[in-house]
């Protein structure tokens, strides 16, 4: 039994795998949006000494968080559109939001995947910066 077959046995259906991968992709983008909103609220509402010390860093990180969240959602949408266009040419396409075959997903170009990975790594760096700032 191959590794892929062993992993496939862990899930009930392909729909469950699609749902998990959708959550794995969208939740970081939502977290980036929430962190950007929290930065904005801290900037306008809270006048604590620690926030005023790192005020300029917070503005920079807030701007980067907005850009990262927009980039995550944009790249996800572009990848979804490539796969949907390929799926529409398939004979058994039912029109579902995640009605993709493996061949459809392979049509997504590598450049958009690299952009998506870049935004995800930048988001991870933002997350680490947030933890470090919290400890200051």
C-alpha atoms as a PDB file:
ATOM      1  CA  UNK A   1       0.000   0.000   0.000  1.00  0.00           C
ATOM      2  CA  UNK A   2       1.411   3.397  -1.010  1.00  0.00           C
ATOM      3  CA  UNK A   3       1.602   6.424   1.248  1.00  0.00           C
ATOM      4  CA  UNK A   4      -1.189   8.172  -0.662  1.00  0.00           C
ATOM      5  CA  UNK A   5      -3.472   5.165  -0.192  1.00  0.00           C
ATOM      6  CA  UNK A   6      -2.728   5.106   3.545  1.00  0.00           C
ATOM      7  CA  UNK A   7      -3.590   8.797   3.842  1.00  0.00           C
ATOM      8  CA  UNK A   8      -6.748   8.301   1.756  1.00  0.00           C
ATOM      9  CA  UNK A   9      -7.957   5.698   4.250  1.00  0.00           C
ATOM     10  CA  UNK A  10      -8.028   8.384   6.958  1.00  0.00           C
ATOM     11  CA  UNK A  11     -10.884  10.245   5.259  1.00  0.00           C
ATOM     12  CA  UNK A  12     -14.446   9.246   4.443  1.00  0.00           C
ATOM     13  CA  UNK A  13     -14.731  10.951   1.054  1.00  0.00           C
ATOM     14  CA  UNK A  14     -13.081  13.304  -1.387  1.00  0.00           C
ATOM     15  CA  UNK A  15     -15.522  15.991  -0.259  1.00  0.00           C
ATOM     16  CA  UNK A  16     -14.088  15.791   3.273  1.00  0.00           C
ATOM     17  CA  UNK A  17     -10.559  16.269   1.915  1.00  0.00           C
ATOM     18  CA  UNK A  18     -11.725  19.258  -0.150  1.00  0.00           C
ATOM     19  CA  UNK A  19     -13.379  20.774   2.898  1.00  0.00           C
ATOM     20  CA  UNK A  20     -10.235  20.358   5.014  1.00  0.00           C
ATOM     21  CA  UNK A  21      -8.010  21.848   2.308  1.00  0.00           C
ATOM     22  CA  UNK A  22     -10.421  24.764   1.915  1.00  0.00           C
ATOM     23  CA  UNK A  23     -10.251  25.467   5.654  1.00  0.00           C
ATOM     24  CA  UNK A  24      -6.465  25.133   5.639  1.00  0.00           C
ATOM     25  CA  UNK A  25      -6.241  27.763   2.941  1.00  0.00           C
ATOM     26  CA  UNK A  26      -8.889  30.246   4.081  1.00  0.00           C
ATOM     27  CA  UNK A  27      -8.279  30.327   7.827  1.00  0.00           C
ATOM     28  CA  UNK A  28      -4.829  32.014   7.561  1.00  0.00           C
ATOM     29  CA  UNK A  29      -6.352  34.749   5.389  1.00  0.00           C
ATOM     30  CA  UNK A  30      -9.117  35.302   7.919  1.00  0.00           C
ATOM     31  CA  UNK A  31      -6.545  35.422  10.729  1.00  0.00           C
ATOM     32  CA  UNK A  32      -4.556  38.060   8.817  1.00  0.00           C
ATOM     33  CA  UNK A  33      -7.682  40.170   8.348  1.00  0.00           C
ATOM     34  CA  UNK A  34      -8.541  39.893  12.035  1.00  0.00           C
ATOM     35  CA  UNK A  35      -4.996  40.828  13.067  1.00  0.00           C
ATOM     36  CA  UNK A  36      -5.085  43.853  10.765  1.00  0.00           C
ATOM     37  CA  UNK A  37      -8.394  44.953  12.284  1.00  0.00           C
ATOM     38  CA  UNK A  38      -6.977  44.510  15.788  1.00  0.00           C
ATOM     39  CA  UNK A  39      -3.973  46.649  14.841  1.00  0.00           C
ATOM     40  CA  UNK A  40      -6.357  49.283  13.548  1.00  0.00           C
ATOM     41  CA  UNK A  41      -8.436  49.207  16.748  1.00  0.00           C
ATOM     42  CA  UNK A  42      -5.291  49.439  18.855  1.00  0.00           C
ATOM     43  CA  UNK A  43      -4.111  52.366  16.777  1.00  0.00           C
ATOM     44  CA  UNK A  44      -7.340  54.334  17.185  1.00  0.00           C
ATOM     45  CA  UNK A  45      -8.597  53.262  20.575  1.00  0.00           C
ATOM     46  CA  UNK A  46      -5.915  52.128  22.989  1.00  0.00           C
ATOM     47  CA  UNK A  47      -3.323  54.563  24.298  1.00  0.00           C
ATOM     48  CA  UNK A  48      -1.232  52.241  26.457  1.00  0.00           C
ATOM     49  CA  UNK A  49       2.469  52.884  26.789  1.00  0.00           C
ATOM     50  CA  UNK A  50       3.530  49.645  25.071  1.00  0.00           C
ATOM     51  CA  UNK A  51       1.414  50.412  22.039  1.00  0.00           C
ATOM     52  CA  UNK A  52       2.777  53.953  21.813  1.00  0.00           C
ATOM     53  CA  UNK A  53       6.334  52.601  21.979  1.00  0.00           C
ATOM     54  CA  UNK A  54       5.740  50.252  19.059  1.00  0.00           C
ATOM     55  CA  UNK A  55       3.306  52.554  17.262  1.00  0.00           C
ATOM     56  CA  UNK A  56       5.319  52.918  14.068  1.00  0.00           C
ATOM     57  CA  UNK A  57       6.047  49.187  13.940  1.00  0.00           C
ATOM     58  CA  UNK A  58       2.335  48.503  14.427  1.00  0.00           C
ATOM     59  CA  UNK A  59       1.415  50.733  11.487  1.00  0.00           C
ATOM     60  CA  UNK A  60       3.924  48.928   9.289  1.00  0.00           C
ATOM     61  CA  UNK A  61       2.710  45.498  10.400  1.00  0.00           C
ATOM     62  CA  UNK A  62      -0.924  46.529   9.977  1.00  0.00           C
ATOM     63  CA  UNK A  63      -0.256  47.608   6.399  1.00  0.00           C
ATOM     64  CA  UNK A  64       1.606  44.388   5.665  1.00  0.00           C
ATOM     65  CA  UNK A  65      -1.218  42.358   7.240  1.00  0.00           C
ATOM     66  CA  UNK A  66      -3.762  44.024   4.940  1.00  0.00           C
ATOM     67  CA  UNK A  67      -1.591  43.335   1.900  1.00  0.00           C
ATOM     68  CA  UNK A  68      -1.037  39.719   2.947  1.00  0.00           C
ATOM     69  CA  UNK A  69      -4.743  39.077   3.510  1.00  0.00           C
ATOM     70  CA  UNK A  70      -5.653  40.596   0.151  1.00  0.00           C
ATOM     71  CA  UNK A  71      -2.883  38.597  -1.538  1.00  0.00           C
ATOM     72  CA  UNK A  72      -4.031  35.328   0.057  1.00  0.00           C
ATOM     73  CA  UNK A  73      -7.625  35.749  -1.031  1.00  0.00           C
ATOM     74  CA  UNK A  74      -6.657  37.028  -4.489  1.00  0.00           C
ATOM     75  CA  UNK A  75      -4.288  34.142  -5.217  1.00  0.00           C
ATOM     76  CA  UNK A  76      -6.830  31.625  -3.912  1.00  0.00           C
ATOM     77  CA  UNK A  77      -9.451  33.097  -6.243  1.00  0.00           C
ATOM     78  CA  UNK A  78      -7.135  32.996  -9.238  1.00  0.00           C
ATOM     79  CA  UNK A  79      -6.202  29.367  -8.544  1.00  0.00           C
ATOM     80  CA  UNK A  80      -9.881  28.477  -8.153  1.00  0.00           C
ATOM     81  CA  UNK A  81     -10.718  30.174 -11.467  1.00  0.00           C
ATOM     82  CA  UNK A  82      -8.030  28.217 -13.332  1.00  0.00           C
ATOM     83  CA  UNK A  83      -9.338  24.941 -11.913  1.00  0.00           C
ATOM     84  CA  UNK A  84     -12.977  25.869 -12.619  1.00  0.00           C
ATOM     85  CA  UNK A  85     -12.241  26.729 -16.248  1.00  0.00           C
ATOM     86  CA  UNK A  86     -10.492  23.383 -16.699  1.00  0.00           C
ATOM     87  CA  UNK A  87     -13.372  21.561 -14.980  1.00  0.00           C
ATOM     88  CA  UNK A  88     -15.938  23.192 -17.276  1.00  0.00           C
ATOM     89  CA  UNK A  89     -14.253  21.507 -20.242  1.00  0.00           C
ATOM     90  CA  UNK A  90     -14.589  18.112 -18.543  1.00  0.00           C
ATOM     91  CA  UNK A  91     -17.511  15.944 -19.531  1.00  0.00           C
ATOM     92  CA  UNK A  92     -18.771  15.062 -16.029  1.00  0.00           C
ATOM     93  CA  UNK A  93     -18.679  18.584 -14.588  1.00  0.00           C
ATOM     94  CA  UNK A  94     -21.725  19.181 -12.374  1.00  0.00           C
ATOM     95  CA  UNK A  95     -21.098  22.847 -11.622  1.00  0.00           C
ATOM     96  CA  UNK A  96     -20.317  22.481  -7.934  1.00  0.00           C
ATOM     97  CA  UNK A  97     -17.993  24.923  -6.228  1.00  0.00           C
ATOM     98  CA  UNK A  98     -15.417  22.171  -5.638  1.00  0.00           C
ATOM     99  CA  UNK A  99     -16.263  19.814  -8.484  1.00  0.00           C
ATOM    100  CA  UNK A 100     -12.624  19.343  -9.491  1.00  0.00           C
ATOM    101  CA  UNK A 101     -10.709  16.329 -10.704  1.00  0.00           C
ATOM    102  CA  UNK A 102      -6.971  16.018 -10.170  1.00  0.00           C
ATOM    103  CA  UNK A 103      -6.398  16.893 -13.824  1.00  0.00           C
ATOM    104  CA  UNK A 104      -8.340  20.162 -13.346  1.00  0.00           C
ATOM    105  CA  UNK A 105      -6.256  21.211 -10.370  1.00  0.00           C
ATOM    106  CA  UNK A 106      -3.026  20.491 -12.263  1.00  0.00           C
ATOM    107  CA  UNK A 107      -3.898  23.300 -14.715  1.00  0.00           C
ATOM    108  CA  UNK A 108      -3.165  25.934 -12.063  1.00  0.00           C
ATOM    109  CA  UNK A 109       0.144  27.556 -13.083  1.00  0.00           C
ATOM    110  CA  UNK A 110       3.122  27.339 -10.779  1.00  0.00           C
ATOM    111  CA  UNK A 111       3.611  31.117 -10.617  1.00  0.00           C
ATOM    112  CA  UNK A 112       0.330  31.695  -8.793  1.00  0.00           C
ATOM    113  CA  UNK A 113       1.113  28.851  -6.402  1.00  0.00           C
ATOM    114  CA  UNK A 114       4.464  30.488  -5.633  1.00  0.00           C
ATOM    115  CA  UNK A 115       2.734  33.813  -4.994  1.00  0.00           C
ATOM    116  CA  UNK A 116       0.298  32.077  -2.666  1.00  0.00           C
ATOM    117  CA  UNK A 117       3.118  30.368  -0.782  1.00  0.00           C
ATOM    118  CA  UNK A 118       4.949  33.689  -0.506  1.00  0.00           C
ATOM    119  CA  UNK A 119       1.928  35.385   1.036  1.00  0.00           C
ATOM    120  CA  UNK A 120       1.437  32.435   3.390  1.00  0.00           C
ATOM    121  CA  UNK A 121       5.063  32.567   4.555  1.00  0.00           C
ATOM    122  CA  UNK A 122       4.807  36.322   4.997  1.00  0.00           C
ATOM    123  CA  UNK A 123       1.720  35.719   7.116  1.00  0.00           C
ATOM    124  CA  UNK A 124       3.654  33.252   9.246  1.00  0.00           C
ATOM    125  CA  UNK A 125       6.365  35.880   9.741  1.00  0.00           C
ATOM    126  CA  UNK A 126       3.665  38.382  10.764  1.00  0.00           C
ATOM    127  CA  UNK A 127       2.311  35.874  13.256  1.00  0.00           C
ATOM    128  CA  UNK A 128       5.768  35.433  14.808  1.00  0.00           C
ATOM    129  CA  UNK A 129       6.238  39.217  14.916  1.00  0.00           C
ATOM    130  CA  UNK A 130       2.906  39.523  16.725  1.00  0.00           C
ATOM    131  CA  UNK A 131       4.020  37.019  19.328  1.00  0.00           C
ATOM    132  CA  UNK A 132       7.318  38.830  19.829  1.00  0.00           C
ATOM    133  CA  UNK A 133       5.628  42.223  20.111  1.00  0.00           C
ATOM    134  CA  UNK A 134       3.154  40.840  22.634  1.00  0.00           C
ATOM    135  CA  UNK A 135       6.066  39.879  24.892  1.00  0.00           C
ATOM    136  CA  UNK A 136       7.517  43.424  24.839  1.00  0.00           C
END
